Amino acid sequence: MIIIVGLGNPGEKYKNTRHNVGFQTIDEFAKENNFPEFGLSKKFNALISENIINGKKIILAKPQTFMNNSGKPVKTLFSFYKPKELIIVHDDIDLPLGKIRISKNRGSAGHKGVESIIKEIGTKDFTRIRIGISPAFAKALAGEVEKFVLQKFDKEEEKIIKQVIQEVIKKLS
């Protein structure tokens, strides 16, 4: 069994923001692989959808806590299902827009959602799919990171993100 968690913030206000690229990726993966609609699981405090792909049970989850508390729902899922593999899909402000990095058994690199997961489940032994959201001028954002990640992508950036999400879906399939 594999659990794939997309990180983001719940609610319409945050839909399609840079910080919600994990949610967007999970939504698109679900659509392309004929997963049933997501349902709210109070037990896991997450939107959940399950399906079997190539003989493997896959659980998709979108925690309904805010990003910085993603660890609590992930811990509940992780403890209950004891998956063979845990994959976390999230935004990364340190990567240029459109870049993808896959890493395993690494630290959070300052990402508060990932930090929360590591703290709650007590290990960093999981796969992270990091999606770059940062334009070239990002270093100039120094004190504005929180505002920046909650912004929506402009039209050109949206095209890039849609392509990147398709690349991630291929890697997950």
N, C-alpha and C. Protein backbone atom coordinates (compact mmCIF):
# COMPACT_ATOMS: atom_id res chain seq x y z
N MET A 1 0.84 -1.18 0.00
CA MET A 1 0.00 0.00 0.00
C MET A 1 0.88 1.25 0.00
N ILE A 2 0.40 2.24 -0.72
CA ILE A 2 1.12 3.51 -0.83
C ILE A 2 0.17 4.63 -0.40
N ILE A 3 0.69 5.53 0.40
CA ILE A 3 -0.06 6.74 0.74
C ILE A 3 0.65 7.91 0.08
N ILE A 4 -0.12 8.67 -0.70
CA ILE A 4 0.42 9.87 -1.34
C ILE A 4 -0.32 11.06 -0.74
N VAL A 5 0.43 11.94 -0.12
CA VAL A 5 -0.15 13.11 0.55
C VAL A 5 0.25 14.36 -0.21
N GLY A 6 -0.73 15.14 -0.56
CA GLY A 6 -0.49 16.45 -1.16
C GLY A 6 -0.63 17.49 -0.07
N LEU A 7 0.34 18.37 0.04
CA LEU A 7 0.26 19.41 1.07
C LEU A 7 -0.34 20.69 0.52
N GLY A 8 -1.07 21.37 1.39
CA GLY A 8 -1.70 22.63 1.03
C GLY A 8 -2.47 23.16 2.22
N ASN A 9 -3.23 24.20 1.99
CA ASN A 9 -4.09 24.79 3.01
C ASN A 9 -5.54 24.58 2.58
N PRO A 10 -6.41 24.21 3.52
CA PRO A 10 -7.81 23.97 3.17
C PRO A 10 -8.57 25.27 2.89
N GLY A 11 -9.63 25.15 2.10
CA GLY A 11 -10.52 26.29 1.87
C GLY A 11 -10.33 26.96 0.52
N GLU A 12 -11.41 27.55 0.05
CA GLU A 12 -11.42 28.24 -1.25
C GLU A 12 -10.40 29.37 -1.32
N LYS A 13 -10.21 30.06 -0.21
CA LYS A 13 -9.29 31.20 -0.17
C LYS A 13 -7.89 30.83 -0.66
N TYR A 14 -7.49 29.58 -0.41
CA TYR A 14 -6.13 29.15 -0.74
C TYR A 14 -6.03 28.33 -2.02
N LYS A 15 -7.18 28.06 -2.64
CA LYS A 15 -7.18 27.25 -3.84
C LYS A 15 -6.31 27.91 -4.92
N ASN A 16 -5.51 27.09 -5.57
CA ASN A 16 -4.62 27.53 -6.65
C ASN A 16 -3.53 28.52 -6.23
N THR A 17 -3.21 28.55 -4.95
CA THR A 17 -2.06 29.37 -4.52
C THR A 17 -0.79 28.52 -4.65
N ARG A 18 0.34 29.17 -4.58
CA ARG A 18 1.62 28.48 -4.71
C ARG A 18 1.76 27.38 -3.65
N HIS A 19 1.31 27.68 -2.44
CA HIS A 19 1.44 26.73 -1.33
C HIS A 19 0.56 25.50 -1.53
N ASN A 20 -0.41 25.57 -2.42
CA ASN A 20 -1.34 24.46 -2.62
C ASN A 20 -1.03 23.60 -3.84
N VAL A 21 0.17 23.71 -4.35
CA VAL A 21 0.52 22.93 -5.53
C VAL A 21 0.49 21.42 -5.20
N GLY A 22 0.69 21.05 -3.96
CA GLY A 22 0.56 19.64 -3.56
C GLY A 22 -0.87 19.15 -3.72
N PHE A 23 -1.83 19.96 -3.27
CA PHE A 23 -3.25 19.63 -3.44
C PHE A 23 -3.59 19.52 -4.93
N GLN A 24 -3.13 20.49 -5.72
CA GLN A 24 -3.43 20.50 -7.16
C GLN A 24 -2.91 19.22 -7.82
N THR A 25 -1.73 18.80 -7.44
CA THR A 25 -1.11 17.61 -8.03
C THR A 25 -1.93 16.36 -7.68
N ILE A 26 -2.32 16.25 -6.43
CA ILE A 26 -3.10 15.10 -5.98
C ILE A 26 -4.47 15.08 -6.69
N ASP A 27 -5.09 16.25 -6.82
CA ASP A 27 -6.38 16.33 -7.51
C ASP A 27 -6.26 15.84 -8.96
N GLU A 28 -5.22 16.29 -9.63
CA GLU A 28 -5.02 15.93 -11.03
C GLU A 28 -4.69 14.43 -11.15
N PHE A 29 -3.87 13.93 -10.25
CA PHE A 29 -3.52 12.50 -10.24
C PHE A 29 -4.79 11.67 -10.06
N ALA A 30 -5.65 12.08 -9.13
CA ALA A 30 -6.91 11.37 -8.87
C ALA A 30 -7.79 11.35 -10.12
N LYS A 31 -7.89 12.51 -10.77
CA LYS A 31 -8.73 12.63 -11.96
C LYS A 31 -8.22 11.72 -13.09
N GLU A 32 -6.92 11.75 -13.32
CA GLU A 32 -6.34 10.99 -14.42
C GLU A 32 -6.32 9.49 -14.17
N ASN A 33 -6.44 9.08 -12.92
CA ASN A 33 -6.41 7.66 -12.58
C ASN A 33 -7.75 7.15 -12.07
N ASN A 34 -8.81 7.88 -12.37
CA ASN A 34 -10.18 7.47 -12.05
C ASN A 34 -10.41 7.13 -10.58
N PHE A 35 -9.85 7.94 -9.71
CA PHE A 35 -10.13 7.78 -8.28
C PHE A 35 -11.53 8.31 -8.01
N PRO A 36 -12.20 7.76 -6.99
CA PRO A 36 -13.50 8.35 -6.62
C PRO A 36 -13.29 9.75 -6.03
N GLU A 37 -14.37 10.50 -5.92
CA GLU A 37 -14.26 11.83 -5.32
C GLU A 37 -13.68 11.75 -3.93
N PHE A 38 -12.96 12.79 -3.54
CA PHE A 38 -12.42 12.86 -2.19
C PHE A 38 -13.56 13.01 -1.20
N GLY A 39 -13.42 12.35 -0.07
CA GLY A 39 -14.39 12.49 1.00
C GLY A 39 -13.66 12.90 2.27
N LEU A 40 -14.34 13.65 3.11
CA LEU A 40 -13.71 14.08 4.36
C LEU A 40 -13.74 12.95 5.37
N SER A 41 -12.57 12.60 5.85
CA SER A 41 -12.45 11.62 6.93
C SER A 41 -12.15 12.39 8.21
N LYS A 42 -13.11 12.38 9.13
CA LYS A 42 -12.89 13.06 10.41
C LYS A 42 -11.80 12.34 11.20
N LYS A 43 -11.75 11.02 11.06
CA LYS A 43 -10.75 10.22 11.76
C LYS A 43 -9.33 10.68 11.42
N PHE A 44 -9.09 10.97 10.14
CA PHE A 44 -7.77 11.38 9.69
C PHE A 44 -7.62 12.89 9.52
N ASN A 45 -8.72 13.63 9.66
CA ASN A 45 -8.73 15.07 9.41
C ASN A 45 -8.10 15.38 8.05
N ALA A 46 -8.59 14.64 7.05
CA ALA A 46 -8.06 14.80 5.70
C ALA A 46 -9.14 14.40 4.68
N LEU A 47 -9.01 14.97 3.49
CA LEU A 47 -9.81 14.51 2.37
C LEU A 47 -9.09 13.29 1.81
N ILE A 48 -9.84 12.20 1.62
CA ILE A 48 -9.25 10.92 1.25
C ILE A 48 -9.93 10.37 0.00
N SER A 49 -9.13 9.71 -0.84
CA SER A 49 -9.66 8.95 -1.96
C SER A 49 -8.77 7.72 -2.11
N GLU A 50 -9.38 6.58 -2.41
CA GLU A 50 -8.63 5.33 -2.54
C GLU A 50 -8.93 4.67 -3.87
N ASN A 51 -7.92 3.97 -4.39
CA ASN A 51 -8.10 3.20 -5.61
C ASN A 51 -7.00 2.16 -5.68
N ILE A 52 -7.15 1.25 -6.62
CA ILE A 52 -6.10 0.25 -6.85
C ILE A 52 -5.56 0.50 -8.25
N ILE A 53 -4.24 0.66 -8.32
CA ILE A 53 -3.57 0.88 -9.61
C ILE A 53 -2.48 -0.17 -9.73
N ASN A 54 -2.49 -0.89 -10.84
CA ASN A 54 -1.51 -1.95 -11.09
C ASN A 54 -1.39 -2.90 -9.89
N GLY A 55 -2.52 -3.24 -9.31
CA GLY A 55 -2.54 -4.19 -8.19
C GLY A 55 -2.13 -3.62 -6.85
N LYS A 56 -1.83 -2.32 -6.79
CA LYS A 56 -1.42 -1.69 -5.53
C LYS A 56 -2.50 -0.76 -5.03
N LYS A 57 -2.82 -0.89 -3.74
CA LYS A 57 -3.78 0.04 -3.15
C LYS A 57 -3.07 1.37 -2.93
N ILE A 58 -3.71 2.43 -3.39
CA ILE A 58 -3.15 3.77 -3.22
C ILE A 58 -4.18 4.63 -2.50
N ILE A 59 -3.73 5.29 -1.47
CA ILE A 59 -4.57 6.23 -0.73
C ILE A 59 -4.02 7.62 -0.98
N LEU A 60 -4.89 8.49 -1.46
CA LEU A 60 -4.53 9.89 -1.65
C LEU A 60 -5.10 10.68 -0.48
N ALA A 61 -4.32 11.61 0.03
CA ALA A 61 -4.78 12.39 1.18
C ALA A 61 -4.40 13.85 1.03
N LYS A 62 -5.34 14.71 1.44
CA LYS A 62 -5.10 16.15 1.50
C LYS A 62 -5.47 16.58 2.93
N PRO A 63 -4.44 16.75 3.79
CA PRO A 63 -4.72 17.14 5.18
C PRO A 63 -5.57 18.41 5.24
N GLN A 64 -6.49 18.45 6.19
CA GLN A 64 -7.37 19.61 6.31
C GLN A 64 -6.97 20.50 7.48
N THR A 65 -5.74 20.35 7.92
CA THR A 65 -5.14 21.30 8.86
C THR A 65 -4.43 22.32 7.98
N PHE A 66 -3.93 23.37 8.55
CA PHE A 66 -3.12 24.27 7.74
C PHE A 66 -1.75 23.64 7.56
N MET A 67 -1.04 24.09 6.55
CA MET A 67 0.23 23.52 6.12
C MET A 67 1.16 23.18 7.30
N ASN A 68 1.34 24.12 8.21
CA ASN A 68 2.32 23.93 9.28
C ASN A 68 1.94 22.84 10.27
N ASN A 69 0.71 22.34 10.21
CA ASN A 69 0.27 21.24 11.09
C ASN A 69 -0.05 19.97 10.31
N SER A 70 0.51 19.82 9.14
CA SER A 70 0.23 18.66 8.29
C SER A 70 0.62 17.34 8.95
N GLY A 71 1.54 17.39 9.86
CA GLY A 71 2.04 16.16 10.50
C GLY A 71 1.00 15.38 11.25
N LYS A 72 0.05 16.06 11.88
CA LYS A 72 -0.95 15.36 12.68
C LYS A 72 -1.81 14.41 11.83
N PRO A 73 -2.43 14.87 10.74
CA PRO A 73 -3.20 13.94 9.91
C PRO A 73 -2.31 12.85 9.28
N VAL A 74 -1.10 13.23 8.88
CA VAL A 74 -0.21 12.24 8.27
C VAL A 74 0.15 11.16 9.29
N LYS A 75 0.40 11.57 10.52
CA LYS A 75 0.73 10.59 11.56
C LYS A 75 -0.43 9.61 11.77
N THR A 76 -1.65 10.13 11.80
CA THR A 76 -2.82 9.27 12.00
C THR A 76 -2.94 8.27 10.84
N LEU A 77 -2.80 8.74 9.62
CA LEU A 77 -2.84 7.87 8.44
C LEU A 77 -1.72 6.83 8.49
N PHE A 78 -0.52 7.30 8.76
CA PHE A 78 0.69 6.48 8.78
C PHE A 78 0.57 5.38 9.84
N SER A 79 0.09 5.75 11.03
CA SER A 79 -0.06 4.78 12.12
C SER A 79 -1.16 3.77 11.83
N PHE A 80 -2.25 4.21 11.24
CA PHE A 80 -3.38 3.33 10.97
C PHE A 80 -3.08 2.34 9.85
N TYR A 81 -2.56 2.84 8.73
CA TYR A 81 -2.37 1.99 7.55
C TYR A 81 -1.01 1.30 7.49
N LYS A 82 -0.01 1.87 8.14
CA LYS A 82 1.36 1.34 8.07
C LYS A 82 1.76 1.03 6.61
N PRO A 83 1.77 2.08 5.79
CA PRO A 83 2.02 1.87 4.36
C PRO A 83 3.43 1.39 4.07
N LYS A 84 3.56 0.71 2.95
CA LYS A 84 4.87 0.27 2.47
C LYS A 84 5.67 1.51 2.03
N GLU A 85 4.93 2.50 1.53
CA GLU A 85 5.58 3.71 1.03
C GLU A 85 4.73 4.94 1.34
N LEU A 86 5.40 6.00 1.75
CA LEU A 86 4.76 7.30 2.00
C LEU A 86 5.41 8.31 1.08
N ILE A 87 4.58 9.02 0.31
CA ILE A 87 5.08 10.03 -0.62
C ILE A 87 4.38 11.35 -0.27
N ILE A 88 5.18 12.39 -0.10
CA ILE A 88 4.66 13.72 0.20
C ILE A 88 4.94 14.61 -1.00
N VAL A 89 3.91 15.27 -1.52
CA VAL A 89 4.05 16.18 -2.67
C VAL A 89 3.82 17.60 -2.15
N HIS A 90 4.79 18.49 -2.38
CA HIS A 90 4.66 19.84 -1.84
C HIS A 90 5.42 20.87 -2.64
N ASP A 91 5.09 22.13 -2.37
CA ASP A 91 5.77 23.26 -3.01
C ASP A 91 7.16 23.42 -2.41
N ASP A 92 8.05 24.05 -3.18
CA ASP A 92 9.39 24.35 -2.66
C ASP A 92 9.82 25.71 -3.20
N ILE A 93 9.90 26.67 -2.30
CA ILE A 93 10.28 28.04 -2.69
C ILE A 93 11.75 28.15 -3.06
N ASP A 94 12.55 27.16 -2.68
CA ASP A 94 13.98 27.19 -2.99
C ASP A 94 14.29 26.63 -4.38
N LEU A 95 13.27 26.11 -5.04
CA LEU A 95 13.46 25.60 -6.40
C LEU A 95 12.83 26.57 -7.40
N PRO A 96 13.47 26.75 -8.54
CA PRO A 96 12.89 27.61 -9.57
C PRO A 96 11.54 27.06 -10.05
N LEU A 97 10.69 27.94 -10.45
CA LEU A 97 9.37 27.58 -10.96
C LEU A 97 9.51 26.51 -12.04
N GLY A 98 8.79 25.42 -11.86
CA GLY A 98 8.79 24.36 -12.86
C GLY A 98 9.78 23.24 -12.63
N LYS A 99 10.68 23.38 -11.68
CA LYS A 99 11.64 22.31 -11.39
C LYS A 99 11.02 21.31 -10.43
N ILE A 100 11.42 20.06 -10.59
CA ILE A 100 10.97 18.99 -9.69
C ILE A 100 12.20 18.34 -9.09
N ARG A 101 12.14 18.08 -7.81
CA ARG A 101 13.20 17.32 -7.15
C ARG A 101 12.54 16.22 -6.33
N ILE A 102 13.07 15.04 -6.46
CA ILE A 102 12.57 13.92 -5.67
C ILE A 102 13.68 13.53 -4.72
N SER A 103 13.34 13.43 -3.44
CA SER A 103 14.34 13.05 -2.46
C SER A 103 13.72 12.08 -1.46
N LYS A 104 14.57 11.35 -0.80
CA LYS A 104 14.11 10.39 0.20
C LYS A 104 15.04 10.47 1.40
N ASN A 105 14.45 10.33 2.57
CA ASN A 105 15.23 10.30 3.82
C ASN A 105 16.08 11.56 4.00
N ARG A 106 15.47 12.72 3.75
CA ARG A 106 16.16 14.00 3.89
C ARG A 106 15.41 14.87 4.87
N GLY A 107 16.06 15.90 5.34
CA GLY A 107 15.44 16.85 6.26
C GLY A 107 14.39 17.70 5.57
N SER A 108 13.81 18.61 6.32
CA SER A 108 12.70 19.43 5.80
C SER A 108 13.15 20.58 4.92
N ALA A 109 14.42 20.97 5.01
CA ALA A 109 14.96 22.12 4.28
C ALA A 109 14.14 23.38 4.58
N GLY A 110 13.62 23.45 5.80
CA GLY A 110 12.89 24.64 6.22
C GLY A 110 11.42 24.66 5.86
N HIS A 111 10.93 23.63 5.16
CA HIS A 111 9.50 23.59 4.81
C HIS A 111 8.72 23.19 6.05
N LYS A 112 7.88 24.08 6.53
CA LYS A 112 7.17 23.86 7.81
C LYS A 112 6.21 22.67 7.78
N GLY A 113 5.56 22.42 6.65
CA GLY A 113 4.67 21.26 6.54
C GLY A 113 5.45 19.96 6.66
N VAL A 114 6.58 19.88 5.98
CA VAL A 114 7.42 18.68 6.03
C VAL A 114 8.03 18.54 7.42
N GLU A 115 8.45 19.66 8.01
CA GLU A 115 8.98 19.65 9.37
C GLU A 115 7.96 19.03 10.34
N SER A 116 6.71 19.43 10.20
CA SER A 116 5.64 18.93 11.04
C SER A 116 5.47 17.41 10.86
N ILE A 117 5.57 16.94 9.64
CA ILE A 117 5.43 15.51 9.36
C ILE A 117 6.57 14.73 10.00
N ILE A 118 7.79 15.19 9.81
CA ILE A 118 8.97 14.51 10.38
C ILE A 118 8.83 14.43 11.90
N LYS A 119 8.44 15.54 12.50
CA LYS A 119 8.29 15.59 13.96
C LYS A 119 7.22 14.59 14.42
N GLU A 120 6.08 14.57 13.75
CA GLU A 120 4.95 13.73 14.18
C GLU A 120 5.18 12.24 13.94
N ILE A 121 5.72 11.87 12.79
CA ILE A 121 5.88 10.43 12.52
C ILE A 121 7.22 9.90 13.03
N GLY A 122 8.11 10.81 13.42
CA GLY A 122 9.37 10.39 14.03
C GLY A 122 10.40 9.84 13.07
N THR A 123 10.24 10.13 11.79
CA THR A 123 11.23 9.69 10.80
C THR A 123 11.18 10.62 9.59
N LYS A 124 12.30 10.65 8.89
CA LYS A 124 12.32 11.38 7.62
C LYS A 124 12.45 10.40 6.45
N ASP A 125 12.23 9.13 6.76
CA ASP A 125 12.34 8.07 5.77
C ASP A 125 11.07 7.95 4.94
N PHE A 126 10.85 8.94 4.08
CA PHE A 126 9.75 8.93 3.13
C PHE A 126 10.19 9.71 1.90
N THR A 127 9.43 9.56 0.83
CA THR A 127 9.77 10.23 -0.42
C THR A 127 9.10 11.59 -0.46
N ARG A 128 9.86 12.58 -0.89
CA ARG A 128 9.32 13.93 -1.09
C ARG A 128 9.42 14.29 -2.56
N ILE A 129 8.30 14.75 -3.10
CA ILE A 129 8.32 15.29 -4.46
C ILE A 129 8.14 16.79 -4.29
N ARG A 130 9.22 17.51 -4.56
CA ARG A 130 9.24 18.95 -4.35
C ARG A 130 9.04 19.65 -5.69
N ILE A 131 8.06 20.56 -5.71
CA ILE A 131 7.73 21.28 -6.94
C ILE A 131 8.11 22.75 -6.76
N GLY A 132 9.01 23.21 -7.62
CA GLY A 132 9.49 24.59 -7.54
C GLY A 132 8.40 25.59 -7.85
N ILE A 133 8.30 26.61 -7.00
CA ILE A 133 7.28 27.66 -7.19
C ILE A 133 7.89 29.05 -7.28
N SER A 134 9.21 29.09 -7.29
CA SER A 134 9.89 30.36 -7.15
C SER A 134 10.30 30.99 -8.48
N PRO A 135 9.89 32.23 -8.72
CA PRO A 135 10.38 32.92 -9.92
C PRO A 135 11.83 33.33 -9.72
N ALA A 136 12.45 33.80 -10.76
CA ALA A 136 13.87 34.17 -10.70
C ALA A 136 14.18 35.21 -9.62
N PHE A 137 13.23 36.08 -9.31
CA PHE A 137 13.51 37.15 -8.35
C PHE A 137 13.24 36.74 -6.90
N ALA A 138 13.05 35.48 -6.64
CA ALA A 138 12.64 35.00 -5.30
C ALA A 138 13.59 35.41 -4.19
N LYS A 139 14.87 35.47 -4.46
CA LYS A 139 15.81 35.82 -3.40
C LYS A 139 15.53 37.21 -2.84
N ALA A 140 14.89 38.05 -3.65
CA ALA A 140 14.55 39.40 -3.21
C ALA A 140 13.35 39.38 -2.26
N LEU A 141 12.74 38.22 -2.07
CA LEU A 141 11.55 38.12 -1.24
C LEU A 141 11.85 38.00 0.25
N ALA A 142 13.11 37.87 0.59
CA ALA A 142 13.56 37.58 1.95
C ALA A 142 12.48 37.56 3.03
N GLY A 143 11.94 38.69 3.44
CA GLY A 143 10.98 38.71 4.53
C GLY A 143 9.54 38.52 4.09
N GLU A 144 9.30 38.30 2.81
CA GLU A 144 7.94 38.23 2.27
C GLU A 144 7.52 36.81 1.90
N VAL A 145 8.22 35.80 2.36
CA VAL A 145 7.96 34.43 1.95
C VAL A 145 6.52 34.01 2.23
N GLU A 146 6.02 34.28 3.43
CA GLU A 146 4.66 33.85 3.78
C GLU A 146 3.62 34.47 2.86
N LYS A 147 3.78 35.75 2.53
CA LYS A 147 2.84 36.39 1.60
C LYS A 147 2.96 35.77 0.22
N PHE A 148 4.20 35.53 -0.21
CA PHE A 148 4.46 35.02 -1.55
C PHE A 148 3.81 33.66 -1.77
N VAL A 149 3.98 32.72 -0.83
CA VAL A 149 3.47 31.37 -1.05
C VAL A 149 1.95 31.32 -1.07
N LEU A 150 1.30 32.36 -0.54
CA LEU A 150 -0.16 32.40 -0.53
C LEU A 150 -0.74 33.15 -1.74
N GLN A 151 0.14 33.55 -2.65
CA GLN A 151 -0.31 34.21 -3.88
C GLN A 151 -0.69 33.17 -4.92
N LYS A 152 -1.58 33.56 -5.84
CA LYS A 152 -1.94 32.70 -6.95
C LYS A 152 -0.89 32.85 -8.06
N PHE A 153 -0.78 31.84 -8.90
CA PHE A 153 0.12 31.90 -10.03
C PHE A 153 -0.46 32.83 -11.09
N ASP A 154 0.41 33.55 -11.82
CA ASP A 154 -0.11 34.33 -12.94
C ASP A 154 -0.32 33.37 -14.12
N LYS A 155 -0.86 33.86 -15.23
CA LYS A 155 -1.24 33.00 -16.36
C LYS A 155 -0.05 32.20 -16.91
N GLU A 156 1.08 32.85 -17.09
CA GLU A 156 2.26 32.16 -17.62
C GLU A 156 2.75 31.09 -16.64
N GLU A 157 2.78 31.44 -15.35
CA GLU A 157 3.22 30.48 -14.33
C GLU A 157 2.27 29.30 -14.25
N GLU A 158 0.98 29.56 -14.42
CA GLU A 158 -0.02 28.49 -14.39
C GLU A 158 0.25 27.45 -15.47
N LYS A 159 0.61 27.91 -16.67
CA LYS A 159 0.93 26.99 -17.76
C LYS A 159 2.10 26.09 -17.37
N ILE A 160 3.12 26.69 -16.77
CA ILE A 160 4.31 25.93 -16.35
C ILE A 160 3.92 24.92 -15.27
N ILE A 161 3.14 25.35 -14.30
CA ILE A 161 2.75 24.47 -13.20
C ILE A 161 1.91 23.30 -13.72
N LYS A 162 1.03 23.55 -14.66
CA LYS A 162 0.22 22.46 -15.23
C LYS A 162 1.10 21.41 -15.90
N GLN A 163 2.14 21.86 -16.61
CA GLN A 163 3.08 20.93 -17.24
C GLN A 163 3.84 20.13 -16.19
N VAL A 164 4.28 20.82 -15.15
CA VAL A 164 5.04 20.17 -14.08
C VAL A 164 4.18 19.12 -13.38
N ILE A 165 2.93 19.46 -13.12
CA ILE A 165 2.02 18.51 -12.47
C ILE A 165 1.88 17.25 -13.33
N GLN A 166 1.81 17.42 -14.66
CA GLN A 166 1.75 16.25 -15.55
C GLN A 166 3.01 15.40 -15.44
N GLU A 167 4.17 16.04 -15.31
CA GLU A 167 5.43 15.31 -15.14
C GLU A 167 5.42 14.52 -13.84
N VAL A 168 4.93 15.14 -12.77
CA VAL A 168 4.86 14.47 -11.47
C VAL A 168 3.92 13.27 -11.54
N ILE A 169 2.78 13.44 -12.21
CA ILE A 169 1.82 12.34 -12.35
C ILE A 169 2.46 11.15 -13.05
N LYS A 170 3.26 11.41 -14.08
CA LYS A 170 3.97 10.32 -14.78
C LYS A 170 4.91 9.60 -13.82
N LYS A 171 5.57 10.36 -12.96
CA LYS A 171 6.52 9.75 -12.00
C LYS A 171 5.77 8.94 -10.94
N LEU A 172 4.56 9.36 -10.59
CA LEU A 172 3.78 8.64 -9.59
C LEU A 172 3.09 7.40 -10.16
N SER A 173 2.89 7.38 -11.48
CA SER A 173 2.14 6.26 -12.09
C SER A 173 2.98 5.04 -12.32
